Amino acid sequence: MNYDVKKIQEALVLCGFHPGAVDGVMGPQTKQALTAFQRHNGLAADGVFGPKSAEVMLKELGEAAGRAMSLIPYLGTLKGS
């Protein structure tokens, strides 16, 4: 599977897993963050980004986006404080 490592790193950060520098390199920190993400989500923790990891990551990002959107009205009331 071809994928953009930098995009995977950015997604890991948004999901709360820290791959080190978002530099597009599948180094040890990125692999460790991916493995932690997989383990946290009940996937085979092999550090390989595949279709199941993508499916779960997409779901998590959607949920995070929903939570973020729900905060916008509240934060909007604070900007004039």
PDB file of N, CA and C in Angstrom:
ATOM      1  N   MET A   1       0.841  -1.175   0.000  1.00  0.00           N
ATOM      2  CA  MET A   1       0.000   0.000   0.000  1.00  0.00           C
ATOM      3  C   MET A   1       0.891   1.245   0.000  1.00  0.00           C
ATOM      4  N   ASN A   2       0.681   2.117  -0.938  1.00  0.00           N
ATOM      5  CA  ASN A   2       1.396   3.387  -0.975  1.00  0.00           C
ATOM      6  C   ASN A   2       0.647   4.422  -0.153  1.00  0.00           C
ATOM      7  N   TYR A   3       1.350   5.102   0.697  1.00  0.00           N
ATOM      8  CA  TYR A   3       0.728   6.158   1.487  1.00  0.00           C
ATOM      9  C   TYR A   3       1.769   7.221   1.785  1.00  0.00           C
ATOM     10  N   ASP A   4       1.283   8.405   2.153  1.00  0.00           N
ATOM     11  CA  ASP A   4       2.119   9.556   2.476  1.00  0.00           C
ATOM     12  C   ASP A   4       2.413   9.511   3.975  1.00  0.00           C
ATOM     13  N   VAL A   5       3.638   9.218   4.337  1.00  0.00           N
ATOM     14  CA  VAL A   5       4.013   9.063   5.742  1.00  0.00           C
ATOM     15  C   VAL A   5       3.731  10.344   6.519  1.00  0.00           C
ATOM     16  N   LYS A   6       3.967  11.485   5.907  1.00  0.00           N
ATOM     17  CA  LYS A   6       3.721  12.759   6.589  1.00  0.00           C
ATOM     18  C   LYS A   6       2.234  12.900   6.960  1.00  0.00           C
ATOM     19  N   LYS A   7       1.351  12.474   6.078  1.00  0.00           N
ATOM     20  CA  LYS A   7      -0.089  12.530   6.366  1.00  0.00           C
ATOM     21  C   LYS A   7      -0.443  11.575   7.504  1.00  0.00           C
ATOM     22  N   ILE A   8       0.171  10.411   7.519  1.00  0.00           N
ATOM     23  CA  ILE A   8      -0.062   9.453   8.599  1.00  0.00           C
ATOM     24  C   ILE A   8       0.442  10.035   9.915  1.00  0.00           C
ATOM     25  N   GLN A   9       1.588  10.680   9.890  1.00  0.00           N
ATOM     26  CA  GLN A   9       2.117  11.313  11.094  1.00  0.00           C
ATOM     27  C   GLN A   9       1.178  12.402  11.595  1.00  0.00           C
ATOM     28  N   GLU A  10       0.663  13.226  10.680  1.00  0.00           N
ATOM     29  CA  GLU A  10      -0.274  14.287  11.066  1.00  0.00           C
ATOM     30  C   GLU A  10      -1.533  13.678  11.685  1.00  0.00           C
ATOM     31  N   ALA A  11      -2.027  12.603  11.104  1.00  0.00           N
ATOM     32  CA  ALA A  11      -3.219  11.938  11.630  1.00  0.00           C
ATOM     33  C   ALA A  11      -2.938  11.339  13.009  1.00  0.00           C
ATOM     34  N   LEU A  12      -1.771  10.759  13.190  1.00  0.00           N
ATOM     35  CA  LEU A  12      -1.413  10.210  14.496  1.00  0.00           C
ATOM     36  C   LEU A  12      -1.422  11.302  15.560  1.00  0.00           C
ATOM     37  N   VAL A  13      -0.886  12.462  15.235  1.00  0.00           N
ATOM     38  CA  VAL A  13      -0.885  13.587  16.175  1.00  0.00           C
ATOM     39  C   VAL A  13      -2.320  13.959  16.536  1.00  0.00           C
ATOM     40  N   LEU A  14      -3.185  14.083  15.530  1.00  0.00           N
ATOM     41  CA  LEU A  14      -4.577  14.444  15.777  1.00  0.00           C
ATOM     42  C   LEU A  14      -5.313  13.392  16.601  1.00  0.00           C
ATOM     43  N   CYS A  15      -4.870  12.161  16.516  1.00  0.00           N
ATOM     44  CA  CYS A  15      -5.477  11.070  17.291  1.00  0.00           C
ATOM     45  C   CYS A  15      -4.853  10.945  18.683  1.00  0.00           C
ATOM     46  N   GLY A  16      -3.864  11.791  18.991  1.00  0.00           N
ATOM     47  CA  GLY A  16      -3.260  11.778  20.316  1.00  0.00           C
ATOM     48  C   GLY A  16      -2.038  10.897  20.467  1.00  0.00           C
ATOM     49  N   PHE A  17      -1.443  10.510  19.354  1.00  0.00           N
ATOM     50  CA  PHE A  17      -0.234   9.686  19.380  1.00  0.00           C
ATOM     51  C   PHE A  17       0.892  10.498  18.750  1.00  0.00           C
ATOM     52  N   HIS A  18       2.052  10.496  19.360  1.00  0.00           N
ATOM     53  CA  HIS A  18       3.116  11.424  18.962  1.00  0.00           C
ATOM     54  C   HIS A  18       4.256  10.714  18.238  1.00  0.00           C
ATOM     55  N   PRO A  19       4.338  10.939  16.914  1.00  0.00           N
ATOM     56  CA  PRO A  19       5.341  10.261  16.095  1.00  0.00           C
ATOM     57  C   PRO A  19       6.685  10.982  16.027  1.00  0.00           C
ATOM     58  N   GLY A  20       6.897  11.969  16.890  1.00  0.00           N
ATOM     59  CA  GLY A  20       8.101  12.787  16.776  1.00  0.00           C
ATOM     60  C   GLY A  20       7.882  13.832  15.696  1.00  0.00           C
ATOM     61  N   ALA A  21       8.933  14.196  15.013  1.00  0.00           N
ATOM     62  CA  ALA A  21       8.838  15.207  13.960  1.00  0.00           C
ATOM     63  C   ALA A  21       7.931  14.718  12.831  1.00  0.00           C
ATOM     64  N   VAL A  22       7.080  15.616  12.348  1.00  0.00           N
ATOM     65  CA  VAL A  22       6.242  15.300  11.190  1.00  0.00           C
ATOM     66  C   VAL A  22       7.098  15.619   9.962  1.00  0.00           C
ATOM     67  N   ASP A  23       7.873  14.618   9.560  1.00  0.00           N
ATOM     68  CA  ASP A  23       8.899  14.832   8.541  1.00  0.00           C
ATOM     69  C   ASP A  23       8.779  13.903   7.333  1.00  0.00           C
ATOM     70  N   GLY A  24       7.771  13.040   7.337  1.00  0.00           N
ATOM     71  CA  GLY A  24       7.589  12.136   6.210  1.00  0.00           C
ATOM     72  C   GLY A  24       8.464  10.897   6.243  1.00  0.00           C
ATOM     73  N   VAL A  25       9.147  10.671   7.364  1.00  0.00           N
ATOM     74  CA  VAL A  25      10.035   9.512   7.487  1.00  0.00           C
ATOM     75  C   VAL A  25       9.414   8.499   8.444  1.00  0.00           C
ATOM     76  N   MET A  26       9.300   7.257   8.005  1.00  0.00           N
ATOM     77  CA  MET A  26       8.769   6.190   8.856  1.00  0.00           C
ATOM     78  C   MET A  26       9.897   5.666   9.728  1.00  0.00           C
ATOM     79  N   GLY A  27      10.297   6.518  10.676  1.00  0.00           N
ATOM     80  CA  GLY A  27      11.371   6.165  11.593  1.00  0.00           C
ATOM     81  C   GLY A  27      10.837   5.449  12.820  1.00  0.00           C
ATOM     82  N   PRO A  28      11.715   5.212  13.787  1.00  0.00           N
ATOM     83  CA  PRO A  28      11.322   4.444  14.968  1.00  0.00           C
ATOM     84  C   PRO A  28      10.221   5.116  15.797  1.00  0.00           C
ATOM     85  N   GLN A  29      10.226   6.443  15.914  1.00  0.00           N
ATOM     86  CA  GLN A  29       9.191   7.115  16.697  1.00  0.00           C
ATOM     87  C   GLN A  29       7.827   7.012  16.017  1.00  0.00           C
ATOM     88  N   THR A  30       7.817   7.151  14.701  1.00  0.00           N
ATOM     89  CA  THR A  30       6.562   7.033  13.959  1.00  0.00           C
ATOM     90  C   THR A  30       6.032   5.615  14.073  1.00  0.00           C
ATOM     91  N   LYS A  31       6.907   4.650  13.917  1.00  0.00           N
ATOM     92  CA  LYS A  31       6.502   3.242  14.021  1.00  0.00           C
ATOM     93  C   LYS A  31       5.968   2.943  15.431  1.00  0.00           C
ATOM     94  N   GLN A  32       6.625   3.504  16.438  1.00  0.00           N
ATOM     95  CA  GLN A  32       6.188   3.303  17.823  1.00  0.00           C
ATOM     96  C   GLN A  32       4.809   3.938  18.047  1.00  0.00           C
ATOM     97  N   ALA A  33       4.596   5.153  17.510  1.00  0.00           N
ATOM     98  CA  ALA A  33       3.292   5.817  17.647  1.00  0.00           C
ATOM     99  C   ALA A  33       2.211   5.026  16.926  1.00  0.00           C
ATOM    100  N   LEU A  34       2.521   4.524  15.747  1.00  0.00           N
ATOM    101  CA  LEU A  34       1.558   3.736  14.979  1.00  0.00           C
ATOM    102  C   LEU A  34       1.222   2.443  15.722  1.00  0.00           C
ATOM    103  N   THR A  35       2.211   1.802  16.280  1.00  0.00           N
ATOM    104  CA  THR A  35       1.995   0.572  17.046  1.00  0.00           C
ATOM    105  C   THR A  35       1.118   0.857  18.264  1.00  0.00           C
ATOM    106  N   ALA A  36       1.373   1.973  18.946  1.00  0.00           N
ATOM    107  CA  ALA A  36       0.558   2.349  20.111  1.00  0.00           C
ATOM    108  C   ALA A  36      -0.881   2.624  19.675  1.00  0.00           C
ATOM    109  N   PHE A  37      -1.062   3.302  18.549  1.00  0.00           N
ATOM    110  CA  PHE A  37      -2.397   3.561  18.005  1.00  0.00           C
ATOM    111  C   PHE A  37      -3.113   2.240  17.725  1.00  0.00           C
ATOM    112  N   GLN A  38      -2.416   1.333  17.080  1.00  0.00           N
ATOM    113  CA  GLN A  38      -3.013   0.041  16.744  1.00  0.00           C
ATOM    114  C   GLN A  38      -3.398  -0.729  18.012  1.00  0.00           C
ATOM    115  N   ARG A  39      -2.494  -0.772  18.964  1.00  0.00           N
ATOM    116  CA  ARG A  39      -2.752  -1.498  20.216  1.00  0.00           C
ATOM    117  C   ARG A  39      -3.958  -0.883  20.925  1.00  0.00           C
ATOM    118  N   HIS A  40      -3.996   0.442  21.002  1.00  0.00           N
ATOM    119  CA  HIS A  40      -5.084   1.169  21.659  1.00  0.00           C
ATOM    120  C   HIS A  40      -6.441   0.846  21.026  1.00  0.00           C
ATOM    121  N   ASN A  41      -6.430   0.576  19.738  1.00  0.00           N
ATOM    122  CA  ASN A  41      -7.667   0.336  19.000  1.00  0.00           C
ATOM    123  C   ASN A  41      -7.947  -1.132  18.720  1.00  0.00           C
ATOM    124  N   GLY A  42      -7.227  -2.031  19.380  1.00  0.00           N
ATOM    125  CA  GLY A  42      -7.497  -3.462  19.257  1.00  0.00           C
ATOM    126  C   GLY A  42      -7.086  -4.066  17.923  1.00  0.00           C
ATOM    127  N   LEU A  43      -6.164  -3.409  17.240  1.00  0.00           N
ATOM    128  CA  LEU A  43      -5.663  -3.932  15.960  1.00  0.00           C
ATOM    129  C   LEU A  43      -4.387  -4.721  16.192  1.00  0.00           C
ATOM    130  N   ALA A  44      -3.971  -5.466  15.185  1.00  0.00           N
ATOM    131  CA  ALA A  44      -2.668  -6.131  15.250  1.00  0.00           C
ATOM    132  C   ALA A  44      -1.607  -5.038  15.337  1.00  0.00           C
ATOM    133  N   ALA A  45      -0.877  -5.004  16.443  1.00  0.00           N
ATOM    134  CA  ALA A  45       0.107  -3.947  16.691  1.00  0.00           C
ATOM    135  C   ALA A  45       1.437  -4.298  16.025  1.00  0.00           C
ATOM    136  N   ASP A  46       1.444  -4.176  14.691  1.00  0.00           N
ATOM    137  CA  ASP A  46       2.635  -4.551  13.931  1.00  0.00           C
ATOM    138  C   ASP A  46       3.400  -3.355  13.371  1.00  0.00           C
ATOM    139  N   GLY A  47       2.875  -2.142  13.573  1.00  0.00           N
ATOM    140  CA  GLY A  47       3.554  -0.946  13.077  1.00  0.00           C
ATOM    141  C   GLY A  47       3.477  -0.777  11.574  1.00  0.00           C
ATOM    142  N   VAL A  48       2.615  -1.546  10.926  1.00  0.00           N
ATOM    143  CA  VAL A  48       2.439  -1.449   9.478  1.00  0.00           C
ATOM    144  C   VAL A  48       1.087  -0.794   9.219  1.00  0.00           C
ATOM    145  N   PHE A  49       1.095   0.295   8.461  1.00  0.00           N
ATOM    146  CA  PHE A  49      -0.151   0.995   8.164  1.00  0.00           C
ATOM    147  C   PHE A  49      -0.831   0.318   6.988  1.00  0.00           C
ATOM    148  N   GLY A  50      -2.009  -0.237   7.264  1.00  0.00           N
ATOM    149  CA  GLY A  50      -2.762  -0.923   6.224  1.00  0.00           C
ATOM    150  C   GLY A  50      -4.218  -0.506   6.249  1.00  0.00           C
ATOM    151  N   PRO A  51      -5.064  -1.211   5.511  1.00  0.00           N
ATOM    152  CA  PRO A  51      -6.470  -0.836   5.391  1.00  0.00           C
ATOM    153  C   PRO A  51      -7.227  -0.776   6.721  1.00  0.00           C
ATOM    154  N   LYS A  52      -6.972  -1.705   7.650  1.00  0.00           N
ATOM    155  CA  LYS A  52      -7.672  -1.686   8.943  1.00  0.00           C
ATOM    156  C   LYS A  52      -7.247  -0.476   9.767  1.00  0.00           C
ATOM    157  N   SER A  53      -5.951  -0.167   9.759  1.00  0.00           N
ATOM    158  CA  SER A  53      -5.476   1.023  10.478  1.00  0.00           C
ATOM    159  C   SER A  53      -6.101   2.271   9.868  1.00  0.00           C
ATOM    160  N   ALA A  54      -6.177   2.317   8.550  1.00  0.00           N
ATOM    161  CA  ALA A  54      -6.768   3.476   7.873  1.00  0.00           C
ATOM    162  C   ALA A  54      -8.235   3.615   8.245  1.00  0.00           C
ATOM    163  N   GLU A  55      -8.966   2.511   8.284  1.00  0.00           N
ATOM    164  CA  GLU A  55     -10.393   2.537   8.612  1.00  0.00           C
ATOM    165  C   GLU A  55     -10.626   3.087  10.022  1.00  0.00           C
ATOM    166  N   VAL A  56      -9.855   2.577  10.980  1.00  0.00           N
ATOM    167  CA  VAL A  56     -10.017   3.004  12.369  1.00  0.00           C
ATOM    168  C   VAL A  56      -9.563   4.449  12.534  1.00  0.00           C
ATOM    169  N   MET A  57      -8.481   4.830  11.878  1.00  0.00           N
ATOM    170  CA  MET A  57      -7.977   6.194  11.974  1.00  0.00           C
ATOM    171  C   MET A  57      -8.990   7.183  11.401  1.00  0.00           C
ATOM    172  N   LEU A  58      -9.607   6.822  10.298  1.00  0.00           N
ATOM    173  CA  LEU A  58     -10.625   7.675   9.692  1.00  0.00           C
ATOM    174  C   LEU A  58     -11.786   7.879  10.660  1.00  0.00           C
ATOM    175  N   LYS A  59     -12.205   6.813  11.318  1.00  0.00           N
ATOM    176  CA  LYS A  59     -13.291   6.909  12.295  1.00  0.00           C
ATOM    177  C   LYS A  59     -12.895   7.822  13.450  1.00  0.00           C
ATOM    178  N   GLU A  60     -11.690   7.649  13.979  1.00  0.00           N
ATOM    179  CA  GLU A  60     -11.213   8.479  15.094  1.00  0.00           C
ATOM    180  C   GLU A  60     -11.110   9.943  14.687  1.00  0.00           C
ATOM    181  N   LEU A  61     -10.622  10.198  13.492  1.00  0.00           N
ATOM    182  CA  LEU A  61     -10.506  11.585  13.028  1.00  0.00           C
ATOM    183  C   LEU A  61     -11.881  12.217  12.865  1.00  0.00           C
ATOM    184  N   GLY A  62     -12.846  11.448  12.388  1.00  0.00           N
ATOM    185  CA  GLY A  62     -14.209  11.955  12.255  1.00  0.00           C
ATOM    186  C   GLY A  62     -14.798  12.310  13.605  1.00  0.00           C
ATOM    187  N   GLU A  63     -14.572  11.456  14.594  1.00  0.00           N
ATOM    188  CA  GLU A  63     -15.070  11.724  15.940  1.00  0.00           C
ATOM    189  C   GLU A  63     -14.390  12.955  16.534  1.00  0.00           C
ATOM    190  N   ALA A  64     -13.088  13.089  16.318  1.00  0.00           N
ATOM    191  CA  ALA A  64     -12.357  14.253  16.823  1.00  0.00           C
ATOM    192  C   ALA A  64     -12.853  15.528  16.155  1.00  0.00           C
ATOM    193  N   ALA A  65     -13.135  15.453  14.863  1.00  0.00           N
ATOM    194  CA  ALA A  65     -13.642  16.626  14.147  1.00  0.00           C
ATOM    195  C   ALA A  65     -15.008  17.029  14.689  1.00  0.00           C
ATOM    196  N   GLY A  66     -15.837  16.054  14.983  1.00  0.00           N
ATOM    197  CA  GLY A  66     -17.154  16.332  15.560  1.00  0.00           C
ATOM    198  C   GLY A  66     -17.047  17.015  16.909  1.00  0.00           C
ATOM    199  N   ARG A  67     -16.131  16.527  17.745  1.00  0.00           N
ATOM    200  CA  ARG A  67     -15.920  17.154  19.053  1.00  0.00           C
ATOM    201  C   ARG A  67     -15.411  18.579  18.881  1.00  0.00           C
ATOM    202  N   ALA A  68     -14.502  18.780  17.944  1.00  0.00           N
ATOM    203  CA  ALA A  68     -13.958  20.121  17.698  1.00  0.00           C
ATOM    204  C   ALA A  68     -15.054  21.066  17.219  1.00  0.00           C
ATOM    205  N   MET A  69     -15.902  20.591  16.320  1.00  0.00           N
ATOM    206  CA  MET A  69     -16.977  21.432  15.791  1.00  0.00           C
ATOM    207  C   MET A  69     -17.938  21.844  16.905  1.00  0.00           C
ATOM    208  N   SER A  70     -18.163  20.975  17.872  1.00  0.00           N
ATOM    209  CA  SER A  70     -19.086  21.307  18.953  1.00  0.00           C
ATOM    210  C   SER A  70     -18.515  22.391  19.869  1.00  0.00           C
ATOM    211  N   LEU A  71     -17.217  22.601  19.836  1.00  0.00           N
ATOM    212  CA  LEU A  71     -16.587  23.625  20.674  1.00  0.00           C
ATOM    213  C   LEU A  71     -16.603  25.010  20.040  1.00  0.00           C
ATOM    214  N   ILE A  72     -16.789  25.076  18.730  1.00  0.00           N
ATOM    215  CA  ILE A  72     -16.709  26.357  18.022  1.00  0.00           C
ATOM    216  C   ILE A  72     -17.694  27.388  18.569  1.00  0.00           C
ATOM    217  N   PRO A  73     -18.974  27.060  18.766  1.00  0.00           N
ATOM    218  CA  PRO A  73     -19.882  28.070  19.297  1.00  0.00           C
ATOM    219  C   PRO A  73     -19.432  28.613  20.659  1.00  0.00           C
ATOM    220  N   TYR A  74     -18.984  27.716  21.522  1.00  0.00           N
ATOM    221  CA  TYR A  74     -18.526  28.144  22.850  1.00  0.00           C
ATOM    222  C   TYR A  74     -17.304  29.050  22.741  1.00  0.00           C
ATOM    223  N   LEU A  75     -16.333  28.635  21.977  1.00  0.00           N
ATOM    224  CA  LEU A  75     -15.103  29.430  21.860  1.00  0.00           C
ATOM    225  C   LEU A  75     -15.398  30.771  21.189  1.00  0.00           C
ATOM    226  N   GLY A  76     -16.369  30.801  20.291  1.00  0.00           N
ATOM    227  CA  GLY A  76     -16.754  32.052  19.649  1.00  0.00           C
ATOM    228  C   GLY A  76     -17.277  33.071  20.645  1.00  0.00           C
ATOM    229  N   THR A  77     -17.935  32.603  21.709  1.00  0.00           N
ATOM    230  CA  THR A  77     -18.444  33.528  22.710  1.00  0.00           C
ATOM    231  C   THR A  77     -17.312  34.102  23.561  1.00  0.00           C
ATOM    232  N   LEU A  78     -16.177  33.432  23.594  1.00  0.00           N
ATOM    233  CA  LEU A  78     -15.065  33.877  24.427  1.00  0.00           C
ATOM    234  C   LEU A  78     -14.144  34.866  23.725  1.00  0.00           C
ATOM    235  N   LYS A  79     -14.172  34.907  22.412  1.00  0.00           N
ATOM    236  CA  LYS A  79     -13.196  35.737  21.696  1.00  0.00           C
ATOM    237  C   LYS A  79     -13.382  37.220  21.970  1.00  0.00           C
ATOM    238  N   GLY A  80     -14.572  37.646  22.354  1.00  0.00           N
ATOM    239  CA  GLY A  80     -14.793  39.062  22.656  1.00  0.00           C
ATOM    240  C   GLY A  80     -14.639  39.387  24.128  1.00  0.00           C
ATOM    241  N   SER A  81     -14.290  38.375  24.940  1.00  0.00           N
ATOM    242  CA  SER A  81     -14.182  38.587  26.398  1.00  0.00           C
ATOM    243  C   SER A  81     -12.988  39.426  26.769  1.00  0.00           C
TER     244      SER A  81
END
